Protein backbone atom coordinates (compact mmCIF):
# COMPACT_ATOMS: atom_id res chain seq x y z
CA MET A 1 0.00 0.00 0.00
CA LEU A 2 1.11 3.55 -0.70
CA LYS A 3 -0.04 6.70 1.07
CA VAL A 4 0.06 9.37 -1.63
CA THR A 5 -0.08 13.10 -0.99
CA ALA A 6 -0.81 15.51 -3.82
CA ASN A 7 -0.04 19.21 -3.60
CA HIS A 8 -2.82 20.60 -5.75
CA ALA A 9 -4.12 24.17 -5.90
CA LYS A 10 -2.54 25.10 -2.55
CA GLU A 11 -4.21 22.21 -0.73
CA GLN A 12 -2.93 18.77 0.17
CA ILE A 13 -4.96 15.74 -0.77
CA SER A 14 -4.00 12.34 0.69
CA PHE A 15 -5.18 8.98 -0.57
CA ASP A 16 -4.22 5.31 -0.31
CA VAL A 17 -3.34 3.30 -3.40
CA ARG A 18 -2.74 -0.44 -3.56
CA HIS A 19 -2.86 -3.26 -6.07
CA LYS A 20 -4.60 -6.51 -5.17
CA ASP A 21 -5.82 -9.35 -7.35
CA GLY A 22 -4.82 -7.44 -10.50
CA GLN A 23 -6.98 -4.44 -9.57
CA THR A 24 -6.13 -0.93 -8.42
CA TRP A 25 -7.71 0.17 -5.16
CA LEU A 26 -8.18 3.80 -4.18
CA ASN A 27 -9.11 4.46 -0.55
CA GLU A 28 -10.25 0.83 -0.09
CA GLN A 29 -12.49 0.86 -3.18
CA ALA A 30 -11.65 -1.03 -6.36
CA ILE A 31 -11.52 1.32 -9.33
CA GLN A 32 -11.97 0.64 -13.01
CA TRP A 33 -9.68 2.59 -15.30
CA ASP A 34 -7.78 2.22 -18.53
CA LEU A 35 -4.19 3.42 -18.88
CA GLN A 36 -2.24 3.43 -22.15
CA ALA A 37 1.29 4.70 -22.89
CA ILE A 38 1.45 7.34 -25.62
CA ASN A 39 5.23 7.70 -25.47
CA GLU A 40 7.99 7.26 -22.90
CA HIS A 41 6.77 10.12 -20.66
CA THR A 42 3.09 10.50 -21.55
CA PHE A 43 0.06 8.35 -20.82
CA HIS A 44 -3.65 8.47 -21.54
CA ALA A 45 -6.14 7.38 -18.87
CA ILE A 46 -9.89 6.97 -18.83
CA TYR A 47 -11.52 7.01 -15.41
CA GLN A 48 -15.26 7.39 -14.67
CA GLY A 49 -15.89 8.29 -18.32
CA LYS A 50 -13.38 11.15 -18.29
CA SER A 51 -10.21 11.35 -20.37
CA PHE A 52 -6.85 12.35 -18.84
CA THR A 53 -3.50 13.04 -20.48
CA ILE A 54 -0.73 12.43 -17.94
CA GLU A 55 2.86 13.54 -18.54
CA VAL A 56 5.61 12.49 -16.15
CA VAL A 57 7.64 15.70 -15.78
CA LYS A 58 9.92 14.49 -12.97
CA ALA A 59 10.27 11.17 -11.14
CA ASP A 60 12.60 10.86 -8.15
CA PHE A 61 12.20 7.26 -6.99
CA SER A 62 14.78 7.49 -4.19
CA GLU A 63 12.87 10.34 -2.50
CA LYS A 64 9.47 9.08 -3.77
CA ASN A 65 8.57 12.48 -5.24
CA PHE A 66 6.90 12.96 -8.60
CA LEU A 67 5.77 15.88 -10.75
CA LEU A 68 2.96 15.07 -13.17
CA LYS A 69 1.17 17.27 -15.67
CA ILE A 70 -2.45 16.11 -15.83
CA ASN A 71 -4.47 17.70 -18.62
CA GLY A 72 -1.96 20.56 -18.65
CA GLN A 73 -1.98 21.19 -14.88
CA LYS A 74 1.19 20.38 -12.88
CA ILE A 75 0.67 18.47 -9.63
CA GLU A 76 3.40 17.32 -7.22
CA TYR A 77 3.01 13.92 -5.58
CA SER A 78 4.91 12.26 -2.76
CA ALA A 79 4.45 8.66 -1.66
CA LYS A 80 5.09 6.68 1.51
CA ASP A 81 5.20 2.91 1.40
CA ALA A 82 4.33 0.53 4.25
CA ILE A 83 7.83 0.80 5.78
CA ASP A 84 7.77 4.62 5.69
CA LEU A 85 4.35 4.61 7.37
CA LEU A 86 5.47 2.17 10.07
CA LEU A 87 8.61 4.20 10.84
CA GLU A 88 6.54 7.38 10.96
CA LYS A 89 4.06 5.72 13.34
CA MET A 90 6.98 4.68 15.57
CA GLY A 91 8.29 8.25 15.57
CA LEU A 92 11.35 7.47 13.48
CA GLN A 93 12.34 9.44 10.41
CA GLY A 94 13.19 6.40 8.28
CA LYS A 95 15.88 7.26 5.75
CA SER A 96 17.69 9.76 7.93
CA SER A 97 17.69 7.52 11.02
CA ALA A 98 19.59 4.61 9.50
CA LYS A 99 22.89 4.27 7.66
CA ILE A 100 22.28 3.20 4.10
CA ASN A 101 24.77 0.64 2.83
CA GLN A 102 23.07 -0.46 -0.38
CA LEU A 103 21.13 1.08 -3.22
CA LYS A 104 18.57 -1.27 -4.78
CA ALA A 105 16.67 -1.02 -8.05
CA PRO A 106 13.28 0.63 -7.42
CA MET A 107 11.82 -1.22 -10.43
CA PRO A 108 12.92 -3.61 -13.17
CA GLY A 109 14.67 -2.00 -16.12
CA LEU A 110 17.80 -1.46 -18.19
CA ILE A 111 20.92 0.30 -16.87
CA VAL A 112 21.52 3.02 -19.47
CA ASP A 113 24.40 4.82 -17.75
CA VAL A 114 26.62 4.52 -14.68
CA ARG A 115 27.79 7.98 -13.57
CA VAL A 116 30.06 7.05 -10.63
CA ALA A 117 33.13 4.94 -9.94
CA VAL A 118 34.32 2.78 -7.05
CA GLY A 119 36.04 4.92 -4.42
CA GLN A 120 34.20 8.07 -5.46
CA LYS A 121 32.70 10.21 -2.69
CA VAL A 122 29.09 11.17 -3.32
CA SER A 123 26.61 13.54 -1.73
CA LYS A 124 22.98 12.78 -0.95
CA GLY A 125 20.94 13.47 -4.08
CA GLU A 126 23.88 13.11 -6.47
CA ASN A 127 23.14 11.31 -9.76
CA LEU A 128 24.48 7.74 -9.70
CA LEU A 129 22.79 5.74 -12.47
CA VAL A 130 20.23 6.03 -15.24
CA LEU A 131 17.64 3.24 -15.26
CA GLU A 132 15.27 2.91 -18.21
CA ALA A 133 11.89 1.47 -17.27
CA MET A 134 8.63 1.58 -19.22
CA LYS A 135 10.44 3.56 -21.96
CA MET A 136 11.30 6.33 -19.48
CA GLU A 137 14.79 7.17 -18.27
CA ASN A 138 14.95 7.55 -14.49
CA ILE A 139 17.93 9.13 -12.79
CA ILE A 140 18.75 7.16 -9.65
CA LYS A 141 20.20 9.47 -7.02
CA SER A 142 22.26 8.75 -3.95
CA PRO A 143 20.06 8.24 -0.87
CA THR A 144 23.01 9.09 1.37
CA GLU A 145 26.38 10.76 1.61
CA GLY A 146 29.29 8.36 1.42
CA THR A 147 31.88 6.56 -0.65
CA ILE A 148 31.10 4.05 -3.39
CA LYS A 149 32.33 0.64 -2.18
CA ALA A 150 31.11 -1.47 -5.13
CA ILE A 151 29.08 -1.10 -8.30
CA LYS A 152 27.11 -4.30 -8.83
CA VAL A 153 25.77 -3.49 -12.34
CA GLN A 154 27.11 -2.27 -15.64
CA LYS A 155 25.78 -0.26 -18.55
CA GLY A 156 23.48 -2.35 -20.75
CA GLU A 157 22.50 -4.77 -17.97
CA ASN A 158 18.86 -5.63 -17.29
CA VAL A 159 17.97 -5.60 -13.59
CA GLU A 160 15.04 -6.81 -11.54
CA LYS A 161 13.35 -4.81 -8.79
CA ASN A 162 15.37 -4.81 -5.53
CA LYS A 163 18.61 -5.94 -7.20
CA ILE A 164 21.55 -4.35 -5.42
CA LEU A 165 22.98 -1.69 -7.73
CA ILE A 166 25.58 0.05 -5.55
CA GLU A 167 27.14 -0.57 -2.14
CA PHE A 168 28.37 2.28 0.08
CA GLU A 169 31.19 2.23 2.64
């Protein structure tokens, strides 16, 4: 399950999204919709008889922040998965409270570029890799400050979700 927050027209809207039995659920109700890719960054959706053109303007999977343009209107989204919600409930800040030793693939895809080398010092948010998924190039950024201990993938390699991409010292 994901808890999604949208910053839309100076108000925040929160909703739960999950996938179960091949269906998408929105706030505990199964929804019927049709989603088709137009190109690598643009999609067309039909929901409740209405047509939506959705362009992915920015996708930061490490921070779980997204900027979409829906029918010409830009909306920022942030997501929290089950682990983020549990840590928040326990009063912990998740990513900042634990040392990160590994960077894992957020989704299956193709490694298009590796922008770091072993031994290189990186800052949080620095570009590390480019992962192509669903015909869209996603820049994978460093979730932490540190030194690259090992790079477990190479350019041109296909990876599965949660495959270790980089190890930090």
